[in-house]
Amino acid sequence: MKIERRILIYSMFNNLIIAIIKLVGGLIYGLSSLFADGMHTFSDFITDIISFIASKISKKRPTKYHPFGFGKVEYLTNLFVGIILLILGLYIIISSFFKKTIIPPLSLLILLFITLILKLIAIVIMHIVGKNINSNLLITSTEESKADLYSTFGVIIITILLQFTDKLPILKYADLVGSILIGLIVLKTAFKVIVDNSLCLIGEVDDNKEIKDKLKKIIKDIDKIEDYEIDLIKYGSYYRLQLTLELSSDLSLRKVTKIVNKLKKEIKYNKDLKIKYITVYVKDESN
């Protein structure tokens, strides 16, 4: 099993455990912000399942009608995740106005710190692996999980503030304000996921400086290439490369073909570039 899918399965079960702890805790202690936080985490569990399915589809081999593979399925999946988060954020904000405030015991903090540690470990793992394998699914899951981490921090602060409602009655609204803030965090994450993946889905050019620098080095090592243009188009966890070359005018068609083939071979040999498909255009200087 690929490492991406193993991490998604780990994240899936981790989110399920955390969600159950928060939802049950929210019901037992009557804390609406904790229940809202639990719903947020449960949405992470649902989206992990969707991402897991998408990771399998996106790795399918190219077909006659999809010659560049199915990498963009990841963006469609993430858009769906963004829509789920958008609906959830609105629900959390609206429902928070209809719940009574109850003062929870300080023992709840132990429960919250356990969920915080579990989530933090998952975020670190997903971030490191996602960057290493250039997985858009894991990177998106990491961003979504960060929002869940922030909301848990918020519930911890709310739990502490509610202990002082006898001295400062205004603090009884901390739970309401906290629930609304959690909802806003979810909405912010939703908008970011939707915007970022919409741009990638319509073929946004990726300006990855590290990869472009490596490509420039490969191109410069090949004789007779006088100028070039590089366009990297992201397809989920891999790239499609479009190269426009300006070659010496004295080259025969056979030599041009040889240079292009050599260049393609050198690029594909460098697996770190994660470039699966290469299209090369040669400028016609005679016109």
C-alpha atoms as a PDB file:
ATOM      1  CA  MET A   1       0.000   0.000   0.000  1.00  0.00           C
ATOM      2  CA  LYS A   2       1.302   3.454  -0.906  1.00  0.00           C
ATOM      3  CA  ILE A   3       2.472   5.669   1.949  1.00  0.00           C
ATOM      4  CA  GLU A   4      -0.148   8.314   1.044  1.00  0.00           C
ATOM      5  CA  ARG A   5      -2.990   5.827   1.608  1.00  0.00           C
ATOM      6  CA  ARG A   6      -1.422   4.528   4.828  1.00  0.00           C
ATOM      7  CA  ILE A   7      -1.287   8.071   6.227  1.00  0.00           C
ATOM      8  CA  LEU A   8      -4.888   8.721   5.167  1.00  0.00           C
ATOM      9  CA  ILE A   9      -6.054   5.552   6.957  1.00  0.00           C
ATOM     10  CA  TYR A  10      -4.153   6.588  10.098  1.00  0.00           C
ATOM     11  CA  SER A  11      -5.654  10.087   9.930  1.00  0.00           C
ATOM     12  CA  MET A  12      -9.100   8.598   9.346  1.00  0.00           C
ATOM     13  CA  PHE A  13      -9.097   6.475  12.508  1.00  0.00           C
ATOM     14  CA  ASN A  14      -7.377   9.205  14.517  1.00  0.00           C
ATOM     15  CA  ASN A  15     -10.116  11.679  13.564  1.00  0.00           C
ATOM     16  CA  LEU A  16     -12.853   9.168  14.378  1.00  0.00           C
ATOM     17  CA  ILE A  17     -11.481   8.611  17.889  1.00  0.00           C
ATOM     18  CA  ILE A  18     -11.053  12.354  18.520  1.00  0.00           C
ATOM     19  CA  ALA A  19     -14.532  13.131  17.135  1.00  0.00           C
ATOM     20  CA  ILE A  20     -16.189  10.547  19.412  1.00  0.00           C
ATOM     21  CA  ILE A  21     -14.357  11.938  22.457  1.00  0.00           C
ATOM     22  CA  LYS A  22     -15.420  15.508  21.651  1.00  0.00           C
ATOM     23  CA  LEU A  23     -19.029  14.747  20.714  1.00  0.00           C
ATOM     24  CA  VAL A  24     -19.635  12.576  23.785  1.00  0.00           C
ATOM     25  CA  GLY A  25     -17.846  15.154  25.952  1.00  0.00           C
ATOM     26  CA  GLY A  26     -19.938  17.958  24.476  1.00  0.00           C
ATOM     27  CA  LEU A  27     -23.169  16.074  25.245  1.00  0.00           C
ATOM     28  CA  ILE A  28     -22.146  15.043  28.772  1.00  0.00           C
ATOM     29  CA  TYR A  29     -20.811  18.454  29.807  1.00  0.00           C
ATOM     30  CA  GLY A  30     -23.377  20.452  27.825  1.00  0.00           C
ATOM     31  CA  LEU A  31     -20.712  22.551  26.118  1.00  0.00           C
ATOM     32  CA  SER A  32     -21.915  23.647  22.685  1.00  0.00           C
ATOM     33  CA  SER A  33     -18.459  24.806  21.558  1.00  0.00           C
ATOM     34  CA  LEU A  34     -17.024  21.343  22.318  1.00  0.00           C
ATOM     35  CA  PHE A  35     -19.874  19.664  20.450  1.00  0.00           C
ATOM     36  CA  ALA A  36     -19.278  22.019  17.492  1.00  0.00           C
ATOM     37  CA  ASP A  37     -15.578  21.170  17.636  1.00  0.00           C
ATOM     38  CA  GLY A  38     -16.496  17.478  17.620  1.00  0.00           C
ATOM     39  CA  MET A  39     -18.631  17.961  14.520  1.00  0.00           C
ATOM     40  CA  HIS A  40     -15.698  19.697  12.852  1.00  0.00           C
ATOM     41  CA  THR A  41     -13.432  16.739  13.636  1.00  0.00           C
ATOM     42  CA  PHE A  42     -16.082  14.280  12.443  1.00  0.00           C
ATOM     43  CA  SER A  43     -16.147  16.156   9.130  1.00  0.00           C
ATOM     44  CA  ASP A  44     -12.388  15.505   8.949  1.00  0.00           C
ATOM     45  CA  PHE A  45     -13.157  11.793   9.285  1.00  0.00           C
ATOM     46  CA  ILE A  46     -15.707  11.926   6.458  1.00  0.00           C
ATOM     47  CA  THR A  47     -13.383  13.892   4.185  1.00  0.00           C
ATOM     48  CA  ASP A  48     -10.542  11.462   4.936  1.00  0.00           C
ATOM     49  CA  ILE A  49     -12.722   8.651   3.568  1.00  0.00           C
ATOM     50  CA  ILE A  50     -13.429  10.704   0.431  1.00  0.00           C
ATOM     51  CA  SER A  51      -9.723  11.555   0.053  1.00  0.00           C
ATOM     52  CA  PHE A  52      -8.769   7.897   0.444  1.00  0.00           C
ATOM     53  CA  ILE A  53     -11.101   6.900  -2.394  1.00  0.00           C
ATOM     54  CA  ALA A  54      -9.788   9.780  -4.529  1.00  0.00           C
ATOM     55  CA  SER A  55      -6.159   8.776  -3.914  1.00  0.00           C
ATOM     56  CA  LYS A  56      -6.877   5.386  -5.478  1.00  0.00           C
ATOM     57  CA  ILE A  57      -8.701   6.864  -8.484  1.00  0.00           C
ATOM     58  CA  SER A  58      -6.029   9.529  -9.095  1.00  0.00           C
ATOM     59  CA  LYS A  59      -3.340   6.838  -9.421  1.00  0.00           C
ATOM     60  CA  LYS A  60      -5.155   5.027 -12.252  1.00  0.00           C
ATOM     61  CA  ARG A  61      -3.227   4.593 -15.487  1.00  0.00           C
ATOM     62  CA  PRO A  62      -3.885   7.014 -18.369  1.00  0.00           C
ATOM     63  CA  THR A  63      -6.490   6.011 -20.927  1.00  0.00           C
ATOM     64  CA  LYS A  64      -7.215   6.950 -24.527  1.00  0.00           C
ATOM     65  CA  TYR A  65      -9.618   9.689 -23.394  1.00  0.00           C
ATOM     66  CA  HIS A  66      -7.512  10.765 -20.383  1.00  0.00           C
ATOM     67  CA  PRO A  67      -3.941  10.748 -21.741  1.00  0.00           C
ATOM     68  CA  PHE A  68      -2.531  12.732 -18.795  1.00  0.00           C
ATOM     69  CA  GLY A  69      -3.936  10.451 -16.102  1.00  0.00           C
ATOM     70  CA  PHE A  70      -6.452  11.148 -13.341  1.00  0.00           C
ATOM     71  CA  GLY A  71      -4.386  13.361 -11.023  1.00  0.00           C
ATOM     72  CA  LYS A  72      -6.935  16.184 -11.137  1.00  0.00           C
ATOM     73  CA  VAL A  73      -9.458  13.942  -9.373  1.00  0.00           C
ATOM     74  CA  GLU A  74      -7.709  15.137  -6.201  1.00  0.00           C
ATOM     75  CA  TYR A  75      -8.860  18.703  -6.893  1.00  0.00           C
ATOM     76  CA  LEU A  76     -12.464  17.596  -7.458  1.00  0.00           C
ATOM     77  CA  THR A  77     -12.341  15.696  -4.166  1.00  0.00           C
ATOM     78  CA  ASN A  78     -10.934  18.682  -2.304  1.00  0.00           C
ATOM     79  CA  LEU A  79     -13.650  20.912  -3.774  1.00  0.00           C
ATOM     80  CA  PHE A  80     -16.237  18.507  -2.360  1.00  0.00           C
ATOM     81  CA  VAL A  81     -14.431  18.669   0.993  1.00  0.00           C
ATOM     82  CA  GLY A  82     -14.580  22.467   0.839  1.00  0.00           C
ATOM     83  CA  ILE A  83     -18.340  22.424   0.210  1.00  0.00           C
ATOM     84  CA  ILE A  84     -18.880  20.070   3.180  1.00  0.00           C
ATOM     85  CA  LEU A  85     -16.872  22.426   5.395  1.00  0.00           C
ATOM     86  CA  LEU A  86     -18.838  25.426   4.098  1.00  0.00           C
ATOM     87  CA  ILE A  87     -22.170  23.819   5.055  1.00  0.00           C
ATOM     88  CA  LEU A  88     -20.779  22.654   8.421  1.00  0.00           C
ATOM     89  CA  GLY A  89     -19.442  26.123   9.281  1.00  0.00           C
ATOM     90  CA  LEU A  90     -22.811  27.731   8.609  1.00  0.00           C
ATOM     91  CA  TYR A  91     -24.606  25.061  10.677  1.00  0.00           C
ATOM     92  CA  ILE A  92     -22.252  25.529  13.649  1.00  0.00           C
ATOM     93  CA  ILE A  93     -22.793  29.313  13.678  1.00  0.00           C
ATOM     94  CA  ILE A  94     -26.593  29.160  13.334  1.00  0.00           C
ATOM     95  CA  SER A  95     -27.122  26.300  15.841  1.00  0.00           C
ATOM     96  CA  SER A  96     -24.941  27.982  18.497  1.00  0.00           C
ATOM     97  CA  PHE A  97     -27.672  30.586  19.117  1.00  0.00           C
ATOM     98  CA  PHE A  98     -30.154  27.933  20.255  1.00  0.00           C
ATOM     99  CA  LYS A  99     -28.128  26.216  23.003  1.00  0.00           C
ATOM    100  CA  LYS A 100     -28.020  26.957  26.722  1.00  0.00           C
ATOM    101  CA  THR A 101     -24.704  27.630  28.483  1.00  0.00           C
ATOM    102  CA  ILE A 102     -23.581  25.149  31.165  1.00  0.00           C
ATOM    103  CA  ILE A 103     -20.422  25.561  33.265  1.00  0.00           C
ATOM    104  CA  PRO A 104     -18.197  22.508  32.658  1.00  0.00           C
ATOM    105  CA  PRO A 105     -15.817  21.086  35.321  1.00  0.00           C
ATOM    106  CA  LEU A 106     -12.093  21.719  34.955  1.00  0.00           C
ATOM    107  CA  SER A 107     -11.583  17.956  34.564  1.00  0.00           C
ATOM    108  CA  LEU A 108     -12.750  18.502  30.969  1.00  0.00           C
ATOM    109  CA  LEU A 109      -9.339  20.059  30.259  1.00  0.00           C
ATOM    110  CA  ILE A 110      -7.689  16.633  30.557  1.00  0.00           C
ATOM    111  CA  LEU A 111      -9.969  15.340  27.809  1.00  0.00           C
ATOM    112  CA  LEU A 112      -9.231  18.345  25.614  1.00  0.00           C
ATOM    113  CA  PHE A 113      -5.458  18.061  26.006  1.00  0.00           C
ATOM    114  CA  ILE A 114      -5.602  14.374  25.011  1.00  0.00           C
ATOM    115  CA  THR A 115      -7.435  15.259  21.771  1.00  0.00           C
ATOM    116  CA  LEU A 116      -5.006  18.134  21.199  1.00  0.00           C
ATOM    117  CA  ILE A 117      -1.959  15.862  21.396  1.00  0.00           C
ATOM    118  CA  LEU A 118      -3.532  13.203  19.156  1.00  0.00           C
ATOM    119  CA  LYS A 119      -4.357  15.829  16.532  1.00  0.00           C
ATOM    120  CA  LEU A 120      -0.949  17.512  16.734  1.00  0.00           C
ATOM    121  CA  ILE A 121       0.858  14.225  16.085  1.00  0.00           C
ATOM    122  CA  ALA A 122      -1.343  13.571  13.019  1.00  0.00           C
ATOM    123  CA  ILE A 123      -0.710  17.082  11.649  1.00  0.00           C
ATOM    124  CA  VAL A 124       3.077  16.750  11.938  1.00  0.00           C
ATOM    125  CA  ILE A 125       3.058  13.351  10.205  1.00  0.00           C
ATOM    126  CA  MET A 126       0.765  14.518   7.361  1.00  0.00           C
ATOM    127  CA  HIS A 127       2.759  17.717   6.839  1.00  0.00           C
ATOM    128  CA  ILE A 128       6.127  15.944   6.584  1.00  0.00           C
ATOM    129  CA  VAL A 129       4.893  13.114   4.340  1.00  0.00           C
ATOM    130  CA  GLY A 130       2.718  15.433   2.207  1.00  0.00           C
ATOM    131  CA  LYS A 131       5.670  17.730   1.432  1.00  0.00           C
ATOM    132  CA  ASN A 132       8.047  14.826   0.788  1.00  0.00           C
ATOM    133  CA  ILE A 133       5.802  13.051  -1.731  1.00  0.00           C
ATOM    134  CA  ASN A 134       4.143  16.232  -3.064  1.00  0.00           C
ATOM    135  CA  SER A 135       0.656  14.956  -2.186  1.00  0.00           C
ATOM    136  CA  ASN A 136      -2.057  17.578  -2.664  1.00  0.00           C
ATOM    137  CA  LEU A 137      -4.479  15.386  -0.687  1.00  0.00           C
ATOM    138  CA  LEU A 138      -2.235  15.237   2.388  1.00  0.00           C
ATOM    139  CA  ILE A 139      -1.384  18.936   2.150  1.00  0.00           C
ATOM    140  CA  THR A 140      -5.088  19.837   2.043  1.00  0.00           C
ATOM    141  CA  SER A 141      -5.819  17.444   4.942  1.00  0.00           C
ATOM    142  CA  THR A 142      -3.034  19.119   6.930  1.00  0.00           C
ATOM    143  CA  GLU A 143      -4.539  22.592   6.418  1.00  0.00           C
ATOM    144  CA  GLU A 144      -7.971  21.309   7.377  1.00  0.00           C
ATOM    145  CA  SER A 145      -6.558  19.611  10.492  1.00  0.00           C
ATOM    146  CA  LYS A 146      -4.850  22.835  11.570  1.00  0.00           C
ATOM    147  CA  ALA A 147      -8.250  24.514  11.721  1.00  0.00           C
ATOM    148  CA  ASP A 148      -9.462  21.679  13.958  1.00  0.00           C
ATOM    149  CA  LEU A 149      -6.410  22.166  16.193  1.00  0.00           C
ATOM    150  CA  TYR A 150      -7.126  25.893  16.558  1.00  0.00           C
ATOM    151  CA  SER A 151     -10.756  25.244  17.442  1.00  0.00           C
ATOM    152  CA  THR A 152      -9.686  22.815  20.195  1.00  0.00           C
ATOM    153  CA  PHE A 153      -7.408  25.513  21.612  1.00  0.00           C
ATOM    154  CA  GLY A 154     -10.458  27.775  21.604  1.00  0.00           C
ATOM    155  CA  VAL A 155     -12.555  25.263  23.566  1.00  0.00           C
ATOM    156  CA  ILE A 156      -9.781  25.003  26.181  1.00  0.00           C
ATOM    157  CA  ILE A 157      -9.831  28.793  26.633  1.00  0.00           C
ATOM    158  CA  ILE A 158     -13.649  28.792  26.783  1.00  0.00           C
ATOM    159  CA  THR A 159     -13.649  26.071  29.466  1.00  0.00           C
ATOM    160  CA  ILE A 160     -11.280  28.154  31.600  1.00  0.00           C
ATOM    161  CA  LEU A 161     -13.222  31.410  31.099  1.00  0.00           C
ATOM    162  CA  LEU A 162     -16.532  29.781  32.061  1.00  0.00           C
ATOM    163  CA  GLN A 163     -15.115  29.018  35.513  1.00  0.00           C
ATOM    164  CA  PHE A 164     -15.207  32.754  36.302  1.00  0.00           C
ATOM    165  CA  THR A 165     -18.829  33.520  35.369  1.00  0.00           C
ATOM    166  CA  ASP A 166     -19.723  34.139  39.047  1.00  0.00           C
ATOM    167  CA  LYS A 167     -17.302  37.060  39.155  1.00  0.00           C
ATOM    168  CA  LEU A 168     -17.839  38.234  35.584  1.00  0.00           C
ATOM    169  CA  PRO A 169     -21.349  37.321  34.362  1.00  0.00           C
ATOM    170  CA  ILE A 170     -20.502  38.441  30.827  1.00  0.00           C
ATOM    171  CA  LEU A 171     -18.247  35.385  30.525  1.00  0.00           C
ATOM    172  CA  LYS A 172     -21.342  33.184  30.261  1.00  0.00           C
ATOM    173  CA  TYR A 173     -21.378  34.174  26.586  1.00  0.00           C
ATOM    174  CA  ALA A 174     -17.928  32.658  26.061  1.00  0.00           C
ATOM    175  CA  ASP A 175     -19.431  29.373  24.878  1.00  0.00           C
ATOM    176  CA  LEU A 176     -21.642  31.162  22.331  1.00  0.00           C
ATOM    177  CA  VAL A 177     -18.789  33.341  21.071  1.00  0.00           C
ATOM    178  CA  GLY A 178     -16.504  30.296  20.940  1.00  0.00           C
ATOM    179  CA  SER A 179     -18.989  28.294  18.869  1.00  0.00           C
ATOM    180  CA  ILE A 180     -19.326  31.182  16.407  1.00  0.00           C
ATOM    181  CA  LEU A 181     -15.532  31.527  16.150  1.00  0.00           C
ATOM    182  CA  ILE A 182     -15.184  27.793  15.486  1.00  0.00           C
ATOM    183  CA  GLY A 183     -17.781  28.147  12.743  1.00  0.00           C
ATOM    184  CA  LEU A 184     -15.849  31.072  11.242  1.00  0.00           C
ATOM    185  CA  ILE A 185     -12.598  29.064  11.328  1.00  0.00           C
ATOM    186  CA  VAL A 186     -14.359  26.264   9.453  1.00  0.00           C
ATOM    187  CA  LEU A 187     -15.714  28.764   6.888  1.00  0.00           C
ATOM    188  CA  LYS A 188     -12.260  30.296   6.368  1.00  0.00           C
ATOM    189  CA  THR A 189     -10.770  26.858   5.751  1.00  0.00           C
ATOM    190  CA  ALA A 190     -13.633  26.015   3.384  1.00  0.00           C
ATOM    191  CA  PHE A 191     -13.105  29.147   1.261  1.00  0.00           C
ATOM    192  CA  LYS A 192      -9.343  28.527   1.055  1.00  0.00           C
ATOM    193  CA  VAL A 193      -9.806  24.896  -0.012  1.00  0.00           C
ATOM    194  CA  ILE A 194     -12.450  25.836  -2.614  1.00  0.00           C
ATOM    195  CA  VAL A 195     -10.454  28.731  -4.123  1.00  0.00           C
ATOM    196  CA  ASP A 196      -7.082  26.920  -4.226  1.00  0.00           C
ATOM    197  CA  ASN A 197      -8.448  23.749  -5.782  1.00  0.00           C
ATOM    198  CA  SER A 198     -10.676  25.607  -8.261  1.00  0.00           C
ATOM    199  CA  LEU A 199      -7.587  27.361  -9.657  1.00  0.00           C
ATOM    200  CA  CYS A 200      -5.688  24.051  -9.904  1.00  0.00           C
ATOM    201  CA  LEU A 201      -8.634  22.334 -11.563  1.00  0.00           C
ATOM    202  CA  ILE A 202      -8.720  24.816 -14.459  1.00  0.00           C
ATOM    203  CA  GLY A 203      -5.007  24.292 -15.113  1.00  0.00           C
ATOM    204  CA  GLU A 204      -3.126  26.866 -13.056  1.00  0.00           C
ATOM    205  CA  VAL A 205       0.614  26.991 -13.816  1.00  0.00           C
ATOM    206  CA  ASP A 206       2.709  26.057 -10.774  1.00  0.00           C
ATOM    207  CA  ASP A 207       5.701  28.331 -10.103  1.00  0.00           C
ATOM    208  CA  ASN A 208       7.809  25.775  -8.208  1.00  0.00           C
ATOM    209  CA  LYS A 209      11.242  27.456  -8.086  1.00  0.00           C
ATOM    210  CA  GLU A 210      13.082  24.347  -6.896  1.00  0.00           C
ATOM    211  CA  ILE A 211      11.823  22.192  -9.762  1.00  0.00           C
ATOM    212  CA  LYS A 212      12.346  24.964 -12.324  1.00  0.00           C
ATOM    213  CA  ASP A 213      15.946  25.443 -11.196  1.00  0.00           C
ATOM    214  CA  LYS A 214      16.609  21.719 -11.666  1.00  0.00           C
ATOM    215  CA  LEU A 215      15.019  21.826 -15.106  1.00  0.00           C
ATOM    216  CA  LYS A 216      17.135  24.832 -16.104  1.00  0.00           C
ATOM    217  CA  LYS A 217      20.280  22.944 -15.109  1.00  0.00           C
ATOM    218  CA  ILE A 218      19.276  19.936 -17.240  1.00  0.00           C
ATOM    219  CA  ILE A 219      18.442  22.158 -20.246  1.00  0.00           C
ATOM    220  CA  LYS A 220      21.686  24.154 -20.013  1.00  0.00           C
ATOM    221  CA  ASP A 221      23.725  20.939 -20.076  1.00  0.00           C
ATOM    222  CA  ILE A 222      22.371  20.148 -23.559  1.00  0.00           C
ATOM    223  CA  ASP A 223      24.077  21.845 -26.511  1.00  0.00           C
ATOM    224  CA  LYS A 224      22.290  23.802 -29.248  1.00  0.00           C
ATOM    225  CA  ILE A 225      19.438  25.029 -27.011  1.00  0.00           C
ATOM    226  CA  GLU A 226      19.597  28.832 -27.261  1.00  0.00           C
ATOM    227  CA  ASP A 227      16.491  29.775 -25.296  1.00  0.00           C
ATOM    228  CA  TYR A 228      13.545  28.099 -23.550  1.00  0.00           C
ATOM    229  CA  GLU A 229      10.274  28.626 -21.679  1.00  0.00           C
ATOM    230  CA  ILE A 230       9.073  26.361 -18.851  1.00  0.00           C
ATOM    231  CA  ASP A 231       5.432  25.819 -17.864  1.00  0.00           C
ATOM    232  CA  LEU A 232       4.637  23.408 -15.012  1.00  0.00           C
ATOM    233  CA  ILE A 233       1.004  22.311 -14.791  1.00  0.00           C
ATOM    234  CA  LYS A 234       0.075  20.463 -11.605  1.00  0.00           C
ATOM    235  CA  TYR A 235      -1.950  17.250 -11.835  1.00  0.00           C
ATOM    236  CA  GLY A 236      -2.447  16.295  -8.199  1.00  0.00           C
ATOM    237  CA  SER A 237       0.761  14.649  -6.975  1.00  0.00           C
ATOM    238  CA  TYR A 238       2.588  14.954 -10.315  1.00  0.00           C
ATOM    239  CA  TYR A 239       3.303  17.520 -13.042  1.00  0.00           C
ATOM    240  CA  ARG A 240       2.756  17.921 -16.742  1.00  0.00           C
ATOM    241  CA  LEU A 241       5.615  19.889 -18.294  1.00  0.00           C
ATOM    242  CA  GLN A 242       5.324  22.135 -21.343  1.00  0.00           C
ATOM    243  CA  LEU A 243       8.657  23.207 -22.806  1.00  0.00           C
ATOM    244  CA  THR A 244       9.116  25.734 -25.599  1.00  0.00           C
ATOM    245  CA  LEU A 245      12.616  25.543 -27.085  1.00  0.00           C
ATOM    246  CA  GLU A 246      14.564  27.814 -29.391  1.00  0.00           C
ATOM    247  CA  LEU A 247      17.321  25.805 -31.100  1.00  0.00           C
ATOM    248  CA  SER A 248      20.219  26.682 -33.369  1.00  0.00           C
ATOM    249  CA  SER A 249      18.938  27.443 -36.863  1.00  0.00           C
ATOM    250  CA  ASP A 250      21.526  25.198 -38.566  1.00  0.00           C
ATOM    251  CA  LEU A 251      20.128  21.966 -37.086  1.00  0.00           C
ATOM    252  CA  SER A 252      18.539  19.291 -39.251  1.00  0.00           C
ATOM    253  CA  LEU A 253      15.179  17.750 -38.335  1.00  0.00           C
ATOM    254  CA  ARG A 254      16.953  14.577 -37.261  1.00  0.00           C
ATOM    255  CA  LYS A 255      19.229  16.480 -34.858  1.00  0.00           C
ATOM    256  CA  VAL A 256      16.283  18.441 -33.446  1.00  0.00           C
ATOM    257  CA  THR A 257      14.454  15.175 -32.743  1.00  0.00           C
ATOM    258  CA  LYS A 258      17.564  13.755 -31.089  1.00  0.00           C
ATOM    259  CA  ILE A 259      17.913  16.797 -28.799  1.00  0.00           C
ATOM    260  CA  VAL A 260      14.221  16.693 -27.824  1.00  0.00           C
ATOM    261  CA  ASN A 261      14.353  12.957 -27.050  1.00  0.00           C
ATOM    262  CA  LYS A 262      17.540  13.368 -25.028  1.00  0.00           C
ATOM    263  CA  LEU A 263      15.972  16.195 -23.030  1.00  0.00           C
ATOM    264  CA  LYS A 264      12.832  14.166 -22.297  1.00  0.00           C
ATOM    265  CA  LYS A 265      14.933  11.211 -21.178  1.00  0.00           C
ATOM    266  CA  GLU A 266      17.025  13.350 -18.811  1.00  0.00           C
ATOM    267  CA  ILE A 267      13.936  14.916 -17.243  1.00  0.00           C
ATOM    268  CA  LYS A 268      12.122  11.601 -16.743  1.00  0.00           C
ATOM    269  CA  TYR A 269      15.292  10.096 -15.267  1.00  0.00           C
ATOM    270  CA  ASN A 270      15.086  12.634 -12.408  1.00  0.00           C
ATOM    271  CA  LYS A 271      12.263  11.094 -10.376  1.00  0.00           C
ATOM    272  CA  ASP A 272      12.472  13.904  -7.795  1.00  0.00           C
ATOM    273  CA  LEU A 273      10.937  16.272 -10.345  1.00  0.00           C
ATOM    274  CA  LYS A 274       7.683  14.240 -10.297  1.00  0.00           C
ATOM    275  CA  ILE A 275       7.099  15.046 -13.977  1.00  0.00           C
ATOM    276  CA  LYS A 276       5.042  12.338 -15.705  1.00  0.00           C
ATOM    277  CA  TYR A 277       4.163  13.980 -19.018  1.00  0.00           C
ATOM    278  CA  ILE A 278       6.307  16.214 -21.204  1.00  0.00           C
ATOM    279  CA  THR A 279       5.241  18.241 -24.243  1.00  0.00           C
ATOM    280  CA  VAL A 280       8.000  19.996 -26.200  1.00  0.00           C
ATOM    281  CA  TYR A 281       7.400  22.774 -28.714  1.00  0.00           C
ATOM    282  CA  VAL A 282      10.250  23.919 -30.959  1.00  0.00           C
ATOM    283  CA  LYS A 283      10.095  27.506 -32.227  1.00  0.00           C
ATOM    284  CA  ASP A 284      10.316  27.888 -35.985  1.00  0.00           C
ATOM    285  CA  GLU A 285      12.773  30.744 -36.506  1.00  0.00           C
ATOM    286  CA  SER A 286      12.241  30.761 -40.265  1.00  0.00           C
ATOM    287  CA  ASN A 287       8.952  32.661 -39.892  1.00  0.00           C
END
